[in-house]
C-alpha atoms as a PDB file:
ATOM      1  CA  MET A   1      -0.056   0.178   0.067  1.00  0.00           C
ATOM      2  CA  GLU A   2       1.629   3.219  -1.277  1.00  0.00           C
ATOM      3  CA  ILE A   3      -0.636   5.525   0.693  1.00  0.00           C
ATOM      4  CA  LEU A   4      -1.916   4.611   4.298  1.00  0.00           C
ATOM      5  CA  PRO A   5      -4.810   6.434   5.387  1.00  0.00           C
ATOM      6  CA  ILE A   6      -4.472   6.860   9.361  1.00  0.00           C
ATOM      7  CA  ARG A   7      -7.569   6.236  11.241  1.00  0.00           C
ATOM      8  CA  ARG A   8      -6.675   4.430  14.546  1.00  0.00           C
ATOM      9  CA  ALA A   9      -3.756   5.262  16.479  1.00  0.00           C
ATOM     10  CA  ILE A  10      -2.169   4.088  19.601  1.00  0.00           C
ATOM     11  CA  LEU A  11       0.061   6.302  21.885  1.00  0.00           C
ATOM     12  CA  SER A  12       2.125   5.389  24.802  1.00  0.00           C
ATOM     13  CA  VAL A  13       4.674   7.690  25.638  1.00  0.00           C
ATOM     14  CA  THR A  14       7.250   8.321  28.235  1.00  0.00           C
ATOM     15  CA  ASP A  15       8.508  11.761  26.668  1.00  0.00           C
ATOM     16  CA  LYS A  16       5.614  13.435  26.270  1.00  0.00           C
ATOM     17  CA  SER A  17       6.719  16.521  24.522  1.00  0.00           C
ATOM     18  CA  GLY A  18       4.401  17.704  21.706  1.00  0.00           C
ATOM     19  CA  LEU A  19       2.206  14.561  22.820  1.00  0.00           C
ATOM     20  CA  VAL A  20      -0.875  17.224  23.168  1.00  0.00           C
ATOM     21  CA  GLU A  21      -0.330  18.990  19.758  1.00  0.00           C
ATOM     22  CA  PHE A  22      -0.160  15.856  17.750  1.00  0.00           C
ATOM     23  CA  ALA A  23      -2.862  14.184  19.473  1.00  0.00           C
ATOM     24  CA  THR A  24      -5.183  17.188  18.541  1.00  0.00           C
ATOM     25  CA  PHE A  25      -3.958  17.275  15.268  1.00  0.00           C
ATOM     26  CA  LEU A  26      -4.902  13.684  14.787  1.00  0.00           C
ATOM     27  CA  THR A  27      -8.159  14.090  16.957  1.00  0.00           C
ATOM     28  CA  THR A  28      -9.111  17.340  14.576  1.00  0.00           C
ATOM     29  CA  ARG A  29      -8.792  14.643  11.473  1.00  0.00           C
ATOM     30  CA  GLY A  30     -11.146  12.051  12.806  1.00  0.00           C
ATOM     31  CA  VAL A  31      -8.401   9.641  14.047  1.00  0.00           C
ATOM     32  CA  GLU A  32      -9.366   7.180  17.023  1.00  0.00           C
ATOM     33  CA  LEU A  33      -6.740   7.692  19.994  1.00  0.00           C
ATOM     34  CA  ILE A  34      -6.045   4.740  22.246  1.00  0.00           C
ATOM     35  CA  SER A  35      -3.836   4.884  24.940  1.00  0.00           C
ATOM     36  CA  THR A  36      -2.256   3.923  28.032  1.00  0.00           C
ATOM     37  CA  GLY A  37      -1.676   5.184  31.679  1.00  0.00           C
ATOM     38  CA  GLY A  38       0.167   8.178  31.931  1.00  0.00           C
ATOM     39  CA  THR A  39      -0.605   9.075  28.537  1.00  0.00           C
ATOM     40  CA  GLN A  40      -4.097   8.734  28.511  1.00  0.00           C
ATOM     41  CA  LYS A  41      -4.158  10.885  31.630  1.00  0.00           C
ATOM     42  CA  VAL A  42      -2.370  13.681  29.392  1.00  0.00           C
ATOM     43  CA  LEU A  43      -4.759  13.375  26.846  1.00  0.00           C
ATOM     44  CA  GLU A  44      -7.819  13.561  29.112  1.00  0.00           C
ATOM     45  CA  ALA A  45      -6.581  16.410  30.807  1.00  0.00           C
ATOM     46  CA  ALA A  46      -6.198  18.379  27.498  1.00  0.00           C
ATOM     47  CA  GLY A  47      -9.831  17.347  26.966  1.00  0.00           C
ATOM     48  CA  LEU A  48      -8.963  14.880  24.040  1.00  0.00           C
ATOM     49  CA  PRO A  49     -11.069  11.733  23.645  1.00  0.00           C
ATOM     50  CA  VAL A  50      -9.393   8.284  24.099  1.00  0.00           C
ATOM     51  CA  THR A  51      -9.862   5.022  24.716  1.00  0.00           C
ATOM     52  CA  ALA A  52      -7.933   3.167  27.627  1.00  0.00           C
ATOM     53  CA  VAL A  53      -5.874   0.179  26.087  1.00  0.00           C
ATOM     54  CA  SER A  54      -7.627  -1.987  28.992  1.00  0.00           C
ATOM     55  CA  THR A  55     -11.199  -1.278  27.328  1.00  0.00           C
ATOM     56  CA  VAL A  56      -9.828  -2.352  24.060  1.00  0.00           C
ATOM     57  CA  THR A  57      -8.131  -5.668  25.561  1.00  0.00           C
ATOM     58  CA  GLY A  58     -11.063  -6.036  28.069  1.00  0.00           C
ATOM     59  CA  PHE A  59      -7.887  -7.158  30.701  1.00  0.00           C
ATOM     60  CA  PRO A  60      -6.942  -4.429  33.281  1.00  0.00           C
ATOM     61  CA  GLU A  61      -3.335  -3.123  33.639  1.00  0.00           C
ATOM     62  CA  VAL A  62      -1.493  -5.889  35.996  1.00  0.00           C
ATOM     63  CA  LEU A  63       1.736  -6.491  37.669  1.00  0.00           C
ATOM     64  CA  GLY A  64       1.927  -2.676  38.716  1.00  0.00           C
ATOM     65  CA  GLY A  65       1.978  -1.785  34.887  1.00  0.00           C
ATOM     66  CA  ARG A  66       4.439  -4.497  33.859  1.00  0.00           C
ATOM     67  CA  VAL A  67       1.534  -6.056  31.490  1.00  0.00           C
ATOM     68  CA  LYS A  68      -0.570  -3.412  29.807  1.00  0.00           C
ATOM     69  CA  THR A  69      -0.032  -3.765  25.942  1.00  0.00           C
ATOM     70  CA  LEU A  70       1.124  -7.252  25.519  1.00  0.00           C
ATOM     71  CA  HIS A  71      -2.203  -8.769  24.349  1.00  0.00           C
ATOM     72  CA  PRO A  72      -3.540 -10.153  21.060  1.00  0.00           C
ATOM     73  CA  LYS A  73      -6.017  -7.228  20.555  1.00  0.00           C
ATOM     74  CA  ILE A  74      -2.992  -4.902  20.414  1.00  0.00           C
ATOM     75  CA  HIS A  75      -0.344  -6.896  18.797  1.00  0.00           C
ATOM     76  CA  ALA A  76      -2.728  -8.623  16.241  1.00  0.00           C
ATOM     77  CA  GLY A  77      -3.720  -4.873  15.308  1.00  0.00           C
ATOM     78  CA  ILE A  78      -0.623  -3.815  14.756  1.00  0.00           C
ATOM     79  CA  LEU A  79       0.951  -6.927  12.881  1.00  0.00           C
ATOM     80  CA  ALA A  80      -1.728  -7.422  10.467  1.00  0.00           C
ATOM     81  CA  ASN A  81      -0.653  -7.014   6.432  1.00  0.00           C
ATOM     82  CA  LYS A  82      -3.723  -4.957   5.314  1.00  0.00           C
ATOM     83  CA  ASP A  83      -3.197  -6.354   1.801  1.00  0.00           C
ATOM     84  CA  GLU A  84      -3.132  -9.568   2.768  1.00  0.00           C
ATOM     85  CA  GLU A  85      -7.027 -10.590   3.045  1.00  0.00           C
ATOM     86  CA  SER A  86      -6.457 -13.641   5.237  1.00  0.00           C
ATOM     87  CA  HIS A  87      -5.102 -11.595   8.161  1.00  0.00           C
ATOM     88  CA  MET A  88      -8.055  -8.960   7.809  1.00  0.00           C
ATOM     89  CA  GLN A  89     -10.458 -11.723   7.455  1.00  0.00           C
ATOM     90  CA  THR A  90      -8.916 -13.272  10.663  1.00  0.00           C
ATOM     91  CA  LEU A  91      -9.125  -9.869  12.496  1.00  0.00           C
ATOM     92  CA  THR A  92     -12.932  -9.726  11.802  1.00  0.00           C
ATOM     93  CA  GLU A  93     -13.508 -13.045  13.164  1.00  0.00           C
ATOM     94  CA  LYS A  94     -11.636 -12.186  16.434  1.00  0.00           C
ATOM     95  CA  GLY A  95     -13.345  -9.099  16.990  1.00  0.00           C
ATOM     96  CA  ILE A  96      -9.797  -7.090  16.550  1.00  0.00           C
ATOM     97  CA  ARG A  97      -9.399  -3.624  14.939  1.00  0.00           C
ATOM     98  CA  PRO A  98      -6.116  -3.050  13.091  1.00  0.00           C
ATOM     99  CA  PHE A  99      -3.818  -0.153  14.079  1.00  0.00           C
ATOM    100  CA  ASP A 100      -2.212   2.528  11.696  1.00  0.00           C
ATOM    101  CA  LEU A 101      -0.152   4.361  13.810  1.00  0.00           C
ATOM    102  CA  VAL A 102       1.851   3.565  16.743  1.00  0.00           C
ATOM    103  CA  CYS A 103       3.182   6.080  18.644  1.00  0.00           C
ATOM    104  CA  VAL A 104       5.411   4.803  21.358  1.00  0.00           C
ATOM    105  CA  ASN A 105       9.270   5.953  22.954  1.00  0.00           C
ATOM    106  CA  LEU A 106      10.485   3.873  25.720  1.00  0.00           C
ATOM    107  CA  TYR A 107      10.858   4.348  29.388  1.00  0.00           C
ATOM    108  CA  ASP A 108      13.622   6.355  30.634  1.00  0.00           C
ATOM    109  CA  PHE A 109      15.983   3.579  31.451  1.00  0.00           C
ATOM    110  CA  ALA A 110      19.377   6.419  30.780  1.00  0.00           C
ATOM    111  CA  GLY A 111      17.586   8.385  33.422  1.00  0.00           C
ATOM    112  CA  ALA A 112      17.273   5.398  35.620  1.00  0.00           C
ATOM    113  CA  VAL A 113      21.200   4.767  35.180  1.00  0.00           C
ATOM    114  CA  GLU A 114      22.212   8.253  35.934  1.00  0.00           C
ATOM    115  CA  ARG A 115      20.065   8.554  39.063  1.00  0.00           C
ATOM    116  CA  GLN A 116      22.182   5.599  40.040  1.00  0.00           C
ATOM    117  CA  LEU A 117      18.906   3.674  41.237  1.00  0.00           C
ATOM    118  CA  SER A 118      19.503   0.097  42.817  1.00  0.00           C
ATOM    119  CA  LEU A 119      19.523  -2.719  40.707  1.00  0.00           C
ATOM    120  CA  GLU A 120      16.298  -3.543  41.458  1.00  0.00           C
ATOM    121  CA  GLU A 121      14.717  -0.141  40.988  1.00  0.00           C
ATOM    122  CA  ALA A 122      16.099   0.362  37.904  1.00  0.00           C
ATOM    123  CA  VAL A 123      15.160  -2.852  36.409  1.00  0.00           C
ATOM    124  CA  GLU A 124      11.735  -1.541  36.606  1.00  0.00           C
ATOM    125  CA  GLU A 125      12.904   0.850  34.549  1.00  0.00           C
ATOM    126  CA  ILE A 126      13.127  -1.707  31.634  1.00  0.00           C
ATOM    127  CA  ASP A 127      10.541  -1.027  28.852  1.00  0.00           C
ATOM    128  CA  ILE A 128       9.090  -4.404  27.744  1.00  0.00           C
ATOM    129  CA  GLY A 129       5.697  -3.633  26.293  1.00  0.00           C
ATOM    130  CA  GLY A 130       7.136  -0.454  24.263  1.00  0.00           C
ATOM    131  CA  PRO A 131      10.095  -2.395  22.575  1.00  0.00           C
ATOM    132  CA  CYS A 132       7.335  -5.076  21.416  1.00  0.00           C
ATOM    133  CA  MET A 133       5.134  -2.664  19.901  1.00  0.00           C
ATOM    134  CA  LEU A 134       7.754  -0.675  18.181  1.00  0.00           C
ATOM    135  CA  ARG A 135       9.318  -3.884  16.549  1.00  0.00           C
ATOM    136  CA  ALA A 136       5.886  -5.066  15.740  1.00  0.00           C
ATOM    137  CA  ALA A 137       4.920  -1.751  14.128  1.00  0.00           C
ATOM    138  CA  ALA A 138       8.323  -1.365  12.298  1.00  0.00           C
ATOM    139  CA  LYS A 139       8.125  -5.014  11.172  1.00  0.00           C
ATOM    140  CA  ASN A 140       4.929  -4.098   9.597  1.00  0.00           C
ATOM    141  CA  PHE A 141       5.721  -0.943   7.895  1.00  0.00           C
ATOM    142  CA  HIS A 142       3.754  -1.592   4.705  1.00  0.00           C
ATOM    143  CA  SER A 143       0.604  -1.183   6.863  1.00  0.00           C
ATOM    144  CA  VAL A 144       1.489   0.590  10.116  1.00  0.00           C
ATOM    145  CA  LEU A 145       3.231   4.107  10.759  1.00  0.00           C
ATOM    146  CA  VAL A 146       5.647   3.805  13.758  1.00  0.00           C
ATOM    147  CA  LEU A 147       6.632   6.781  15.305  1.00  0.00           C
ATOM    148  CA  PRO A 148       9.541   6.545  17.873  1.00  0.00           C
ATOM    149  CA  SER A 149       9.940  10.082  19.127  1.00  0.00           C
ATOM    150  CA  PRO A 150       8.553  13.130  19.290  1.00  0.00           C
ATOM    151  CA  GLN A 151      10.985  14.917  16.903  1.00  0.00           C
ATOM    152  CA  TRP A 152       9.046  12.817  13.954  1.00  0.00           C
ATOM    153  CA  TYR A 153       5.910  14.527  14.947  1.00  0.00           C
ATOM    154  CA  PRO A 154       5.715  17.542  12.438  1.00  0.00           C
ATOM    155  CA  THR A 155       7.121  15.527   9.601  1.00  0.00           C
ATOM    156  CA  ALA A 156       4.084  13.318  10.329  1.00  0.00           C
ATOM    157  CA  MET A 157       1.749  15.907  10.419  1.00  0.00           C
ATOM    158  CA  ASP A 158       2.935  17.066   6.959  1.00  0.00           C
ATOM    159  CA  GLU A 159       2.522  13.876   5.644  1.00  0.00           C
ATOM    160  CA  MET A 160      -0.872  13.647   6.523  1.00  0.00           C
ATOM    161  CA  ARG A 161      -1.903  17.297   5.341  1.00  0.00           C
ATOM    162  CA  THR A 162       0.021  16.363   2.093  1.00  0.00           C
ATOM    163  CA  HIS A 163      -1.569  12.584   1.533  1.00  0.00           C
ATOM    164  CA  GLU A 164      -5.333  13.462   2.877  1.00  0.00           C
ATOM    165  CA  ASN A 165      -4.868  12.226   6.240  1.00  0.00           C
ATOM    166  CA  GLY A 166      -2.396   9.268   4.786  1.00  0.00           C
ATOM    167  CA  VAL A 167       1.472   8.587   5.027  1.00  0.00           C
ATOM    168  CA  SER A 168       3.972   7.499   2.225  1.00  0.00           C
ATOM    169  CA  LEU A 169       5.331   4.439   1.984  1.00  0.00           C
ATOM    170  CA  GLU A 170       8.881   5.885   2.046  1.00  0.00           C
ATOM    171  CA  PHE A 171       8.196   7.617   5.050  1.00  0.00           C
ATOM    172  CA  ARG A 172       6.958   4.603   6.820  1.00  0.00           C
ATOM    173  CA  GLN A 173      10.144   2.625   5.875  1.00  0.00           C
ATOM    174  CA  ILE A 174      12.273   5.688   7.105  1.00  0.00           C
ATOM    175  CA  MET A 175      10.075   5.565  10.579  1.00  0.00           C
ATOM    176  CA  ALA A 176      10.717   1.759  10.826  1.00  0.00           C
ATOM    177  CA  SER A 177      14.584   1.865  10.486  1.00  0.00           C
ATOM    178  CA  ARG A 178      14.342   5.004  13.194  1.00  0.00           C
ATOM    179  CA  ALA A 179      12.065   2.531  15.322  1.00  0.00           C
ATOM    180  CA  PHE A 180      14.631  -0.399  15.048  1.00  0.00           C
ATOM    181  CA  GLU A 181      17.453   1.803  15.717  1.00  0.00           C
ATOM    182  CA  ALA A 182      15.781   3.040  18.635  1.00  0.00           C
ATOM    183  CA  THR A 183      15.312  -0.332  20.332  1.00  0.00           C
ATOM    184  CA  SER A 184      18.853  -1.386  19.358  1.00  0.00           C
ATOM    185  CA  ARG A 185      20.186   1.616  21.278  1.00  0.00           C
ATOM    186  CA  TYR A 186      17.810   0.711  24.302  1.00  0.00           C
ATOM    187  CA  ASP A 187      18.981  -2.622  24.369  1.00  0.00           C
ATOM    188  CA  ALA A 188      22.803  -1.936  24.053  1.00  0.00           C
ATOM    189  CA  LEU A 189      22.180   0.535  27.287  1.00  0.00           C
ATOM    190  CA  ILE A 190      20.520  -2.074  29.069  1.00  0.00           C
ATOM    191  CA  THR A 191      23.132  -4.883  28.056  1.00  0.00           C
ATOM    192  CA  SER A 192      25.931  -2.796  29.198  1.00  0.00           C
ATOM    193  CA  TYR A 193      24.276  -2.016  32.656  1.00  0.00           C
ATOM    194  CA  LEU A 194      23.565  -5.584  33.397  1.00  0.00           C
ATOM    195  CA  ARG A 195      27.129  -6.967  32.435  1.00  0.00           C
ATOM    196  CA  PRO A 196      29.166  -7.558  35.494  1.00  0.00           C
END
């Protein structure tokens, strides 16, 4: 698919820079917003319509927030190839709706290291669901736009203005590479920290 229409987005961000402005832009263009914990609270405080991930999954956040987005109704919605009829049929059969945009940035593990938290405390700053969503969306860039950093919000908005609420395949591929770069750096930092 050359131009991907953006109709449904999941947002889960630690760095909330530009979040309200970007989410407002999406909302004014009819994009449905799905979100988690702190991100959801910021969007609601700004008066934006947003649906909790737990409403989509039918399952509450558990284990102190360790498990929020690790659910088939999230990941199948991200990983479905929209050009593959069998994928879309499976979503329909299972009552799963696809995502078009995954806007995720990761827990601040570098900050945890700088603050010299205990090993046990630092481990809680290792993001699991975020990298999973970034990697899933990046793998499926033919069908999903992934935004791994607020720095890309203006470009995404320009794309949507240019393509009547859609984004180009070229931009999606670039963002996929940036998402894999982000998860690679993140894993390298954790690897270095945990190595005795």
